[in-house]
PDB file of N, CA and C in Angstrom:
ATOM      1  N   UNK A   1       7.889  13.497   2.303  1.00  0.00           N
ATOM      2  CA  UNK A   1       7.146  14.489   1.563  1.00  0.00           C
ATOM      3  C   UNK A   1       5.643  14.182   1.578  1.00  0.00           C
ATOM      4  N   UNK A   2       5.290  12.909   1.372  1.00  0.00           N
ATOM      5  CA  UNK A   2       3.879  12.524   1.377  1.00  0.00           C
ATOM      6  C   UNK A   2       3.220  12.800   2.713  1.00  0.00           C
ATOM      7  N   UNK A   3       3.929  12.494   3.805  1.00  0.00           N
ATOM      8  CA  UNK A   3       3.405  12.769   5.147  1.00  0.00           C
ATOM      9  C   UNK A   3       3.086  14.244   5.303  1.00  0.00           C
ATOM     10  N   UNK A   4       4.025  15.070   4.861  1.00  0.00           N
ATOM     11  CA  UNK A   4       3.839  16.519   4.994  1.00  0.00           C
ATOM     12  C   UNK A   4       2.645  16.981   4.178  1.00  0.00           C
ATOM     13  N   UNK A   5       2.519  16.481   2.967  1.00  0.00           N
ATOM     14  CA  UNK A   5       1.370  16.845   2.137  1.00  0.00           C
ATOM     15  C   UNK A   5       0.064  16.450   2.810  1.00  0.00           C
ATOM     16  N   UNK A   6       0.033  15.258   3.386  1.00  0.00           N
ATOM     17  CA  UNK A   6      -1.183  14.825   4.088  1.00  0.00           C
ATOM     18  C   UNK A   6      -1.503  15.762   5.248  1.00  0.00           C
ATOM     19  N   UNK A   7      -0.486  16.116   6.035  1.00  0.00           N
ATOM     20  CA  UNK A   7      -0.702  17.014   7.177  1.00  0.00           C
ATOM     21  C   UNK A   7      -1.218  18.372   6.738  1.00  0.00           C
ATOM     22  N   UNK A   8      -0.805  18.798   5.553  1.00  0.00           N
ATOM     23  CA  UNK A   8      -1.257  20.081   5.007  1.00  0.00           C
ATOM     24  C   UNK A   8      -2.624  19.964   4.338  1.00  0.00           C
ATOM     25  N   UNK A   9      -3.209  18.766   4.338  1.00  0.00           N
ATOM     26  CA  UNK A   9      -4.511  18.556   3.724  1.00  0.00           C
ATOM     27  C   UNK A   9      -4.458  18.401   2.215  1.00  0.00           C
ATOM     28  N   UNK A  10      -3.293  18.217   1.675  1.00  0.00           N
ATOM     29  CA  UNK A  10      -3.105  18.088   0.229  1.00  0.00           C
ATOM     30  C   UNK A  10      -3.085  16.600  -0.144  1.00  0.00           C
ATOM     31  N   UNK A  11      -4.218  15.969   0.095  1.00  0.00           N
ATOM     32  CA  UNK A  11      -4.344  14.520  -0.034  1.00  0.00           C
ATOM     33  C   UNK A  11      -4.130  14.050  -1.480  1.00  0.00           C
ATOM     34  N   UNK A  12      -4.700  14.748  -2.432  1.00  0.00           N
ATOM     35  CA  UNK A  12      -4.530  14.330  -3.831  1.00  0.00           C
ATOM     36  C   UNK A  12      -3.069  14.363  -4.249  1.00  0.00           C
ATOM     37  N   UNK A  13      -2.340  15.370  -3.790  1.00  0.00           N
ATOM     38  CA  UNK A  13      -0.916  15.454  -4.116  1.00  0.00           C
ATOM     39  C   UNK A  13      -0.134  14.335  -3.424  1.00  0.00           C
ATOM     40  N   UNK A  14      -0.523  14.031  -2.190  1.00  0.00           N
ATOM     41  CA  UNK A  14       0.131  12.925  -1.468  1.00  0.00           C
ATOM     42  C   UNK A  14      -0.131  11.613  -2.189  1.00  0.00           C
ATOM     43  N   UNK A  15      -1.376  11.396  -2.600  1.00  0.00           N
ATOM     44  CA  UNK A  15      -1.702  10.171  -3.334  1.00  0.00           C
ATOM     45  C   UNK A  15      -0.867  10.060  -4.607  1.00  0.00           C
ATOM     46  N   UNK A  16      -0.728  11.162  -5.334  1.00  0.00           N
ATOM     47  CA  UNK A  16       0.053  11.149  -6.569  1.00  0.00           C
ATOM     48  C   UNK A  16       1.509  10.786  -6.286  1.00  0.00           C
ATOM     49  N   UNK A  17       2.044  11.305  -5.202  1.00  0.00           N
ATOM     50  CA  UNK A  17       3.419  10.989  -4.824  1.00  0.00           C
ATOM     51  C   UNK A  17       3.553   9.506  -4.485  1.00  0.00           C
ATOM     52  N   UNK A  18       2.624   9.006  -3.668  1.00  0.00           N
ATOM     53  CA  UNK A  18       2.646   7.586  -3.303  1.00  0.00           C
ATOM     54  C   UNK A  18       2.471   6.694  -4.529  1.00  0.00           C
ATOM     55  N   UNK A  19       1.582   7.093  -5.433  1.00  0.00           N
ATOM     56  CA  UNK A  19       1.368   6.315  -6.660  1.00  0.00           C
ATOM     57  C   UNK A  19       2.659   6.244  -7.463  1.00  0.00           C
ATOM     58  N   UNK A  20       3.395   7.343  -7.506  1.00  0.00           N
ATOM     59  CA  UNK A  20       4.685   7.341  -8.186  1.00  0.00           C
ATOM     60  C   UNK A  20       5.650   6.362  -7.551  1.00  0.00           C
ATOM     61  N   UNK A  21       5.671   6.349  -6.210  1.00  0.00           N
ATOM     62  CA  UNK A  21       6.536   5.414  -5.496  1.00  0.00           C
ATOM     63  C   UNK A  21       6.208   3.971  -5.852  1.00  0.00           C
ATOM     64  N   UNK A  22       4.927   3.634  -5.826  1.00  0.00           N
ATOM     65  CA  UNK A  22       4.586   2.231  -6.057  1.00  0.00           C
ATOM     66  C   UNK A  22       4.729   1.843  -7.518  1.00  0.00           C
ATOM     67  N   UNK A  23       4.559   2.790  -8.429  1.00  0.00           N
ATOM     68  CA  UNK A  23       4.746   2.450  -9.847  1.00  0.00           C
ATOM     69  C   UNK A  23       6.205   2.116 -10.134  1.00  0.00           C
ATOM     70  N   UNK A  24       7.104   2.624  -9.295  1.00  0.00           N
ATOM     71  CA  UNK A  24       8.535   2.326  -9.442  1.00  0.00           C
ATOM     72  C   UNK A  24       8.940   1.056  -8.688  1.00  0.00           C
ATOM     73  N   UNK A  25       7.975   0.419  -8.005  1.00  0.00           N
ATOM     74  CA  UNK A  25       8.283  -0.789  -7.244  1.00  0.00           C
ATOM     75  C   UNK A  25       9.072  -0.497  -5.975  1.00  0.00           C
ATOM     76  N   UNK A  26       8.812   0.651  -5.367  1.00  0.00           N
ATOM     77  CA  UNK A  26       9.500   1.066  -4.140  1.00  0.00           C
ATOM     78  C   UNK A  26       9.515  -0.080  -3.133  1.00  0.00           C
ATOM     79  N   UNK A  27      10.645  -0.296  -2.477  1.00  0.00           N
ATOM     80  CA  UNK A  27      10.820  -1.452  -1.599  1.00  0.00           C
ATOM     81  C   UNK A  27      10.602  -1.149  -0.127  1.00  0.00           C
ATOM     82  N   UNK A  28       9.903  -0.077   0.167  1.00  0.00           N
ATOM     83  CA  UNK A  28       9.517   0.236   1.535  1.00  0.00           C
ATOM     84  C   UNK A  28       8.003   0.162   1.653  1.00  0.00           C
ATOM     85  N   UNK A  29       7.499  -0.040   2.843  1.00  0.00           N
ATOM     86  CA  UNK A  29       6.068  -0.277   3.028  1.00  0.00           C
ATOM     87  C   UNK A  29       5.225   0.998   3.120  1.00  0.00           C
ATOM     88  N   UNK A  30       5.828   2.124   3.453  1.00  0.00           N
ATOM     89  CA  UNK A  30       5.053   3.320   3.761  1.00  0.00           C
ATOM     90  C   UNK A  30       4.071   3.759   2.670  1.00  0.00           C
ATOM     91  N   UNK A  31       4.511   3.948   1.421  1.00  0.00           N
ATOM     92  CA  UNK A  31       3.543   4.441   0.430  1.00  0.00           C
ATOM     93  C   UNK A  31       2.403   3.463   0.163  1.00  0.00           C
ATOM     94  N   UNK A  32       2.671   2.174   0.225  1.00  0.00           N
ATOM     95  CA  UNK A  32       1.608   1.189   0.020  1.00  0.00           C
ATOM     96  C   UNK A  32       0.584   1.269   1.161  1.00  0.00           C
ATOM     97  N   UNK A  33       1.101   1.333   2.363  1.00  0.00           N
ATOM     98  CA  UNK A  33       0.232   1.383   3.537  1.00  0.00           C
ATOM     99  C   UNK A  33      -0.624   2.652   3.527  1.00  0.00           C
ATOM    100  N   UNK A  34       0.004   3.795   3.267  1.00  0.00           N
ATOM    101  CA  UNK A  34      -0.744   5.055   3.280  1.00  0.00           C
ATOM    102  C   UNK A  34      -1.793   5.093   2.173  1.00  0.00           C
ATOM    103  N   UNK A  35      -1.420   4.662   0.980  1.00  0.00           N
ATOM    104  CA  UNK A  35      -2.391   4.657  -0.116  1.00  0.00           C
ATOM    105  C   UNK A  35      -3.560   3.736   0.195  1.00  0.00           C
ATOM    106  N   UNK A  36      -3.275   2.560   0.711  1.00  0.00           N
ATOM    107  CA  UNK A  36      -4.353   1.623   1.056  1.00  0.00           C
ATOM    108  C   UNK A  36      -5.288   2.257   2.077  1.00  0.00           C
ATOM    109  N   UNK A  37      -4.733   2.923   3.067  1.00  0.00           N
ATOM    110  CA  UNK A  37      -5.549   3.589   4.088  1.00  0.00           C
ATOM    111  C   UNK A  37      -6.381   4.698   3.469  1.00  0.00           C
ATOM    112  N   UNK A  38      -5.758   5.519   2.649  1.00  0.00           N
ATOM    113  CA  UNK A  38      -6.484   6.638   2.034  1.00  0.00           C
ATOM    114  C   UNK A  38      -7.600   6.135   1.120  1.00  0.00           C
ATOM    115  N   UNK A  39      -7.334   5.078   0.370  1.00  0.00           N
ATOM    116  CA  UNK A  39      -8.382   4.537  -0.493  1.00  0.00           C
ATOM    117  C   UNK A  39      -9.496   3.893   0.329  1.00  0.00           C
ATOM    118  N   UNK A  40      -9.152   3.235   1.420  1.00  0.00           N
ATOM    119  CA  UNK A  40     -10.190   2.640   2.277  1.00  0.00           C
ATOM    120  C   UNK A  40     -11.083   3.734   2.855  1.00  0.00           C
ATOM    121  N   UNK A  41     -10.458   4.802   3.354  1.00  0.00           N
ATOM    122  CA  UNK A  41     -11.233   5.916   3.922  1.00  0.00           C
ATOM    123  C   UNK A  41     -12.182   6.511   2.894  1.00  0.00           C
ATOM    124  N   UNK A  42     -11.728   6.564   1.641  1.00  0.00           N
ATOM    125  CA  UNK A  42     -12.558   7.117   0.577  1.00  0.00           C
ATOM    126  C   UNK A  42     -13.516   6.110  -0.028  1.00  0.00           C
ATOM    127  N   UNK A  43     -13.501   4.877   0.502  1.00  0.00           N
ATOM    128  CA  UNK A  43     -14.356   3.794   0.017  1.00  0.00           C
ATOM    129  C   UNK A  43     -14.060   3.411  -1.436  1.00  0.00           C
ATOM    130  N   UNK A  44     -12.785   3.517  -1.820  1.00  0.00           N
ATOM    131  CA  UNK A  44     -12.324   3.092  -3.135  1.00  0.00           C
ATOM    132  C   UNK A  44     -11.650   1.727  -2.980  1.00  0.00           C
ATOM    133  N   UNK A  45     -12.469   0.716  -2.744  1.00  0.00           N
ATOM    134  CA  UNK A  45     -11.962  -0.616  -2.414  1.00  0.00           C
ATOM    135  C   UNK A  45     -11.162  -1.228  -3.564  1.00  0.00           C
ATOM    136  N   UNK A  46     -11.597  -1.012  -4.804  1.00  0.00           N
ATOM    137  CA  UNK A  46     -10.839  -1.554  -5.940  1.00  0.00           C
ATOM    138  C   UNK A  46      -9.425  -0.979  -5.984  1.00  0.00           C
ATOM    139  N   UNK A  47      -9.295   0.296  -5.691  1.00  0.00           N
ATOM    140  CA  UNK A  47      -7.977   0.931  -5.675  1.00  0.00           C
ATOM    141  C   UNK A  47      -7.136   0.402  -4.509  1.00  0.00           C
ATOM    142  N   UNK A  48      -7.774   0.225  -3.372  1.00  0.00           N
ATOM    143  CA  UNK A  48      -7.076  -0.344  -2.217  1.00  0.00           C
ATOM    144  C   UNK A  48      -6.542  -1.739  -2.564  1.00  0.00           C
ATOM    145  N   UNK A  49      -7.372  -2.553  -3.191  1.00  0.00           N
ATOM    146  CA  UNK A  49      -6.966  -3.902  -3.583  1.00  0.00           C
ATOM    147  C   UNK A  49      -5.809  -3.849  -4.570  1.00  0.00           C
ATOM    148  N   UNK A  50      -5.871  -2.949  -5.531  1.00  0.00           N
ATOM    149  CA  UNK A  50      -4.787  -2.807  -6.511  1.00  0.00           C
ATOM    150  C   UNK A  50      -3.460  -2.486  -5.817  1.00  0.00           C
ATOM    151  N   UNK A  51      -3.493  -1.555  -4.879  1.00  0.00           N
ATOM    152  CA  UNK A  51      -2.280  -1.154  -4.157  1.00  0.00           C
ATOM    153  C   UNK A  51      -1.753  -2.314  -3.311  1.00  0.00           C
ATOM    154  N   UNK A  52      -2.645  -2.994  -2.626  1.00  0.00           N
ATOM    155  CA  UNK A  52      -2.215  -4.107  -1.779  1.00  0.00           C
ATOM    156  C   UNK A  52      -1.695  -5.279  -2.606  1.00  0.00           C
ATOM    157  N   UNK A  53      -2.286  -5.523  -3.767  1.00  0.00           N
ATOM    158  CA  UNK A  53      -1.757  -6.552  -4.680  1.00  0.00           C
ATOM    159  C   UNK A  53      -0.317  -6.222  -5.075  1.00  0.00           C
ATOM    160  N   UNK A  54      -0.083  -4.969  -5.398  1.00  0.00           N
ATOM    161  CA  UNK A  54       1.269  -4.540  -5.779  1.00  0.00           C
ATOM    162  C   UNK A  54       2.229  -4.712  -4.604  1.00  0.00           C
ATOM    163  N   UNK A  55       1.795  -4.347  -3.391  1.00  0.00           N
ATOM    164  CA  UNK A  55       2.640  -4.491  -2.204  1.00  0.00           C
ATOM    165  C   UNK A  55       2.999  -5.957  -1.978  1.00  0.00           C
ATOM    166  N   UNK A  56       2.020  -6.837  -2.093  1.00  0.00           N
ATOM    167  CA  UNK A  56       2.276  -8.269  -1.922  1.00  0.00           C
ATOM    168  C   UNK A  56       3.290  -8.743  -2.962  1.00  0.00           C
ATOM    169  N   UNK A  57       3.139  -8.302  -4.180  1.00  0.00           N
ATOM    170  CA  UNK A  57       4.062  -8.694  -5.239  1.00  0.00           C
ATOM    171  C   UNK A  57       5.486  -8.212  -4.951  1.00  0.00           C
ATOM    172  N   UNK A  58       5.624  -6.964  -4.578  1.00  0.00           N
ATOM    173  CA  UNK A  58       6.948  -6.400  -4.302  1.00  0.00           C
ATOM    174  C   UNK A  58       7.617  -7.127  -3.142  1.00  0.00           C
ATOM    175  N   UNK A  59       6.877  -7.316  -2.048  1.00  0.00           N
ATOM    176  CA  UNK A  59       7.482  -7.942  -0.876  1.00  0.00           C
ATOM    177  C   UNK A  59       7.681  -9.449  -1.066  1.00  0.00           C
ATOM    178  N   UNK A  60       6.857 -10.075  -1.887  1.00  0.00           N
ATOM    179  CA  UNK A  60       7.074 -11.483  -2.231  1.00  0.00           C
ATOM    180  C   UNK A  60       8.412 -11.634  -2.976  1.00  0.00           C
ATOM    181  N   UNK A  61       8.663 -10.708  -3.899  1.00  0.00           N
ATOM    182  CA  UNK A  61       9.909 -10.749  -4.667  1.00  0.00           C
ATOM    183  C   UNK A  61      11.131 -10.467  -3.799  1.00  0.00           C
ATOM    184  N   UNK A  62      10.931  -9.779  -2.678  1.00  0.00           N
ATOM    185  CA  UNK A  62      12.039  -9.478  -1.764  1.00  0.00           C
ATOM    186  C   UNK A  62      12.265 -10.581  -0.733  1.00  0.00           C
ATOM    187  N   UNK A  63      11.407 -11.583  -0.719  1.00  0.00           N
ATOM    188  CA  UNK A  63      11.439 -12.603   0.342  1.00  0.00           C
ATOM    189  C   UNK A  63      12.797 -13.284   0.486  1.00  0.00           C
ATOM    190  N   UNK A  64      13.534 -13.479  -0.561  1.00  0.00           N
ATOM    191  CA  UNK A  64      14.830 -14.140  -0.475  1.00  0.00           C
ATOM    192  C   UNK A  64      16.001 -13.189  -0.328  1.00  0.00           C
ATOM    193  N   UNK A  65      15.715 -11.915  -0.059  1.00  0.00           N
ATOM    194  CA  UNK A  65      16.765 -10.895  -0.046  1.00  0.00           C
ATOM    195  C   UNK A  65      17.595 -10.869   1.238  1.00  0.00           C
ATOM    196  N   UNK A  66      17.133 -11.577   2.265  1.00  0.00           N
ATOM    197  CA  UNK A  66      17.848 -11.552   3.541  1.00  0.00           C
ATOM    198  C   UNK A  66      17.403 -10.437   4.468  1.00  0.00           C
ATOM    199  N   UNK A  67      16.524  -9.563   3.999  1.00  0.00           N
ATOM    200  CA  UNK A  67      15.996  -8.498   4.861  1.00  0.00           C
ATOM    201  C   UNK A  67      15.015  -9.100   5.858  1.00  0.00           C
ATOM    202  N   UNK A  68      15.249  -8.844   7.125  1.00  0.00           N
ATOM    203  CA  UNK A  68      14.403  -9.421   8.171  1.00  0.00           C
ATOM    204  C   UNK A  68      13.015  -8.800   8.232  1.00  0.00           C
ATOM    205  N   UNK A  69      12.861  -7.605   7.697  1.00  0.00           N
ATOM    206  CA  UNK A  69      11.575  -6.916   7.763  1.00  0.00           C
ATOM    207  C   UNK A  69      10.596  -7.352   6.679  1.00  0.00           C
ATOM    208  N   UNK A  70      11.061  -8.117   5.719  1.00  0.00           N
ATOM    209  CA  UNK A  70      10.230  -8.445   4.556  1.00  0.00           C
ATOM    210  C   UNK A  70       9.063  -9.359   4.912  1.00  0.00           C
ATOM    211  N   UNK A  71       9.314 -10.471   5.589  1.00  0.00           N
ATOM    212  CA  UNK A  71       8.250 -11.441   5.855  1.00  0.00           C
ATOM    213  C   UNK A  71       7.113 -10.854   6.700  1.00  0.00           C
ATOM    214  N   UNK A  72       7.406 -10.116   7.783  1.00  0.00           N
ATOM    215  CA  UNK A  72       6.298  -9.516   8.538  1.00  0.00           C
ATOM    216  C   UNK A  72       5.471  -8.539   7.694  1.00  0.00           C
ATOM    217  N   UNK A  73       6.134  -7.779   6.848  1.00  0.00           N
ATOM    218  CA  UNK A  73       5.410  -6.834   5.992  1.00  0.00           C
ATOM    219  C   UNK A  73       4.590  -7.575   4.950  1.00  0.00           C
ATOM    220  N   UNK A  74       5.163  -8.617   4.378  1.00  0.00           N
ATOM    221  CA  UNK A  74       4.428  -9.423   3.407  1.00  0.00           C
ATOM    222  C   UNK A  74       3.180 -10.022   4.044  1.00  0.00           C
ATOM    223  N   UNK A  75       3.324 -10.573   5.240  1.00  0.00           N
ATOM    224  CA  UNK A  75       2.172 -11.142   5.954  1.00  0.00           C
ATOM    225  C   UNK A  75       1.112 -10.078   6.221  1.00  0.00           C
ATOM    226  N   UNK A  76       1.551  -8.899   6.652  1.00  0.00           N
ATOM    227  CA  UNK A  76       0.617  -7.804   6.933  1.00  0.00           C
ATOM    228  C   UNK A  76      -0.146  -7.399   5.681  1.00  0.00           C
ATOM    229  N   UNK A  77       0.558  -7.239   4.565  1.00  0.00           N
ATOM    230  CA  UNK A  77      -0.112  -6.846   3.328  1.00  0.00           C
ATOM    231  C   UNK A  77      -1.051  -7.939   2.822  1.00  0.00           C
ATOM    232  N   UNK A  78      -0.692  -9.185   3.009  1.00  0.00           N
ATOM    233  CA  UNK A  78      -1.595 -10.281   2.615  1.00  0.00           C
ATOM    234  C   UNK A  78      -2.881 -10.243   3.435  1.00  0.00           C
ATOM    235  N   UNK A  79      -2.749 -10.013   4.739  1.00  0.00           N
ATOM    236  CA  UNK A  79      -3.937  -9.922   5.608  1.00  0.00           C
ATOM    237  C   UNK A  79      -4.809  -8.742   5.210  1.00  0.00           C
ATOM    238  N   UNK A  80      -4.200  -7.601   4.961  1.00  0.00           N
ATOM    239  CA  UNK A  80      -4.953  -6.413   4.546  1.00  0.00           C
ATOM    240  C   UNK A  80      -5.675  -6.656   3.223  1.00  0.00           C
ATOM    241  N   UNK A  81      -4.990  -7.356   2.318  1.00  0.00           N
ATOM    242  CA  UNK A  81      -5.584  -7.661   1.019  1.00  0.00           C
ATOM    243  C   UNK A  81      -6.814  -8.547   1.184  1.00  0.00           C
ATOM    244  N   UNK A  82      -6.711  -9.561   2.023  1.00  0.00           N
ATOM    245  CA  UNK A  82      -7.858 -10.442   2.255  1.00  0.00           C
ATOM    246  C   UNK A  82      -9.034  -9.670   2.863  1.00  0.00           C
ATOM    247  N   UNK A  83      -8.743  -8.774   3.798  1.00  0.00           N
ATOM    248  CA  UNK A  83      -9.810  -7.955   4.391  1.00  0.00           C
ATOM    249  C   UNK A  83     -10.472  -7.073   3.340  1.00  0.00           C
ATOM    250  N   UNK A  84      -9.659  -6.456   2.492  1.00  0.00           N
ATOM    251  CA  UNK A  84     -10.211  -5.588   1.449  1.00  0.00           C
ATOM    252  C   UNK A  84     -11.077  -6.397   0.479  1.00  0.00           C
ATOM    253  N   UNK A  85     -10.605  -7.574   0.115  1.00  0.00           N
ATOM    254  CA  UNK A  85     -11.395  -8.411  -0.798  1.00  0.00           C
ATOM    255  C   UNK A  85     -12.704  -8.851  -0.155  1.00  0.00           C
ATOM    256  N   UNK A  86     -12.680  -9.106   1.150  1.00  0.00           N
ATOM    257  CA  UNK A  86     -13.915  -9.507   1.832  1.00  0.00           C
ATOM    258  C   UNK A  86     -14.897  -8.337   1.894  1.00  0.00           C
ATOM    259  N   UNK A  87     -14.393  -7.116   2.007  1.00  0.00           N
ATOM    260  CA  UNK A  87     -15.274  -5.941   1.988  1.00  0.00           C
ATOM    261  C   UNK A  87     -15.941  -5.784   0.625  1.00  0.00           C
ATOM    262  N   UNK A  88     -15.179  -6.060  -0.409  1.00  0.00           N
ATOM    263  CA  UNK A  88     -15.713  -5.921  -1.762  1.00  0.00           C
ATOM    264  C   UNK A  88     -16.821  -6.931  -2.038  1.00  0.00           C
ATOM    265  N   UNK A  89     -16.686  -8.114  -1.476  1.00  0.00           N
ATOM    266  CA  UNK A  89     -17.670  -9.166  -1.766  1.00  0.00           C
ATOM    267  C   UNK A  89     -18.952  -9.024  -0.957  1.00  0.00           C
ATOM    268  N   UNK A  90     -19.002  -8.054  -0.084  1.00  0.00           N
ATOM    269  CA  UNK A  90     -20.230  -7.855   0.731  1.00  0.00           C
ATOM    270  C   UNK A  90     -21.332  -7.229  -0.064  1.00  0.00           C
TER     271      UNK A  90
END
């Protein structure tokens, strides 16, 4: 649904949908990744950092779940978080 909203140019509605997903602790990477990208594009670095912090927390908690996709996603979100924090400190 979020993808479709974005394609239709309904970015605020897509963001609201993604925000709902992450507030529920959604265990997939898509809404975190899209929100981080949308906030970066809009130069809302604090919001990007907030989303990436939440993603790191969620995937850290999943680390012992046996899912093979968790560690690569956790590493990716940690790297993105460090980049966002470095942008903020400039």
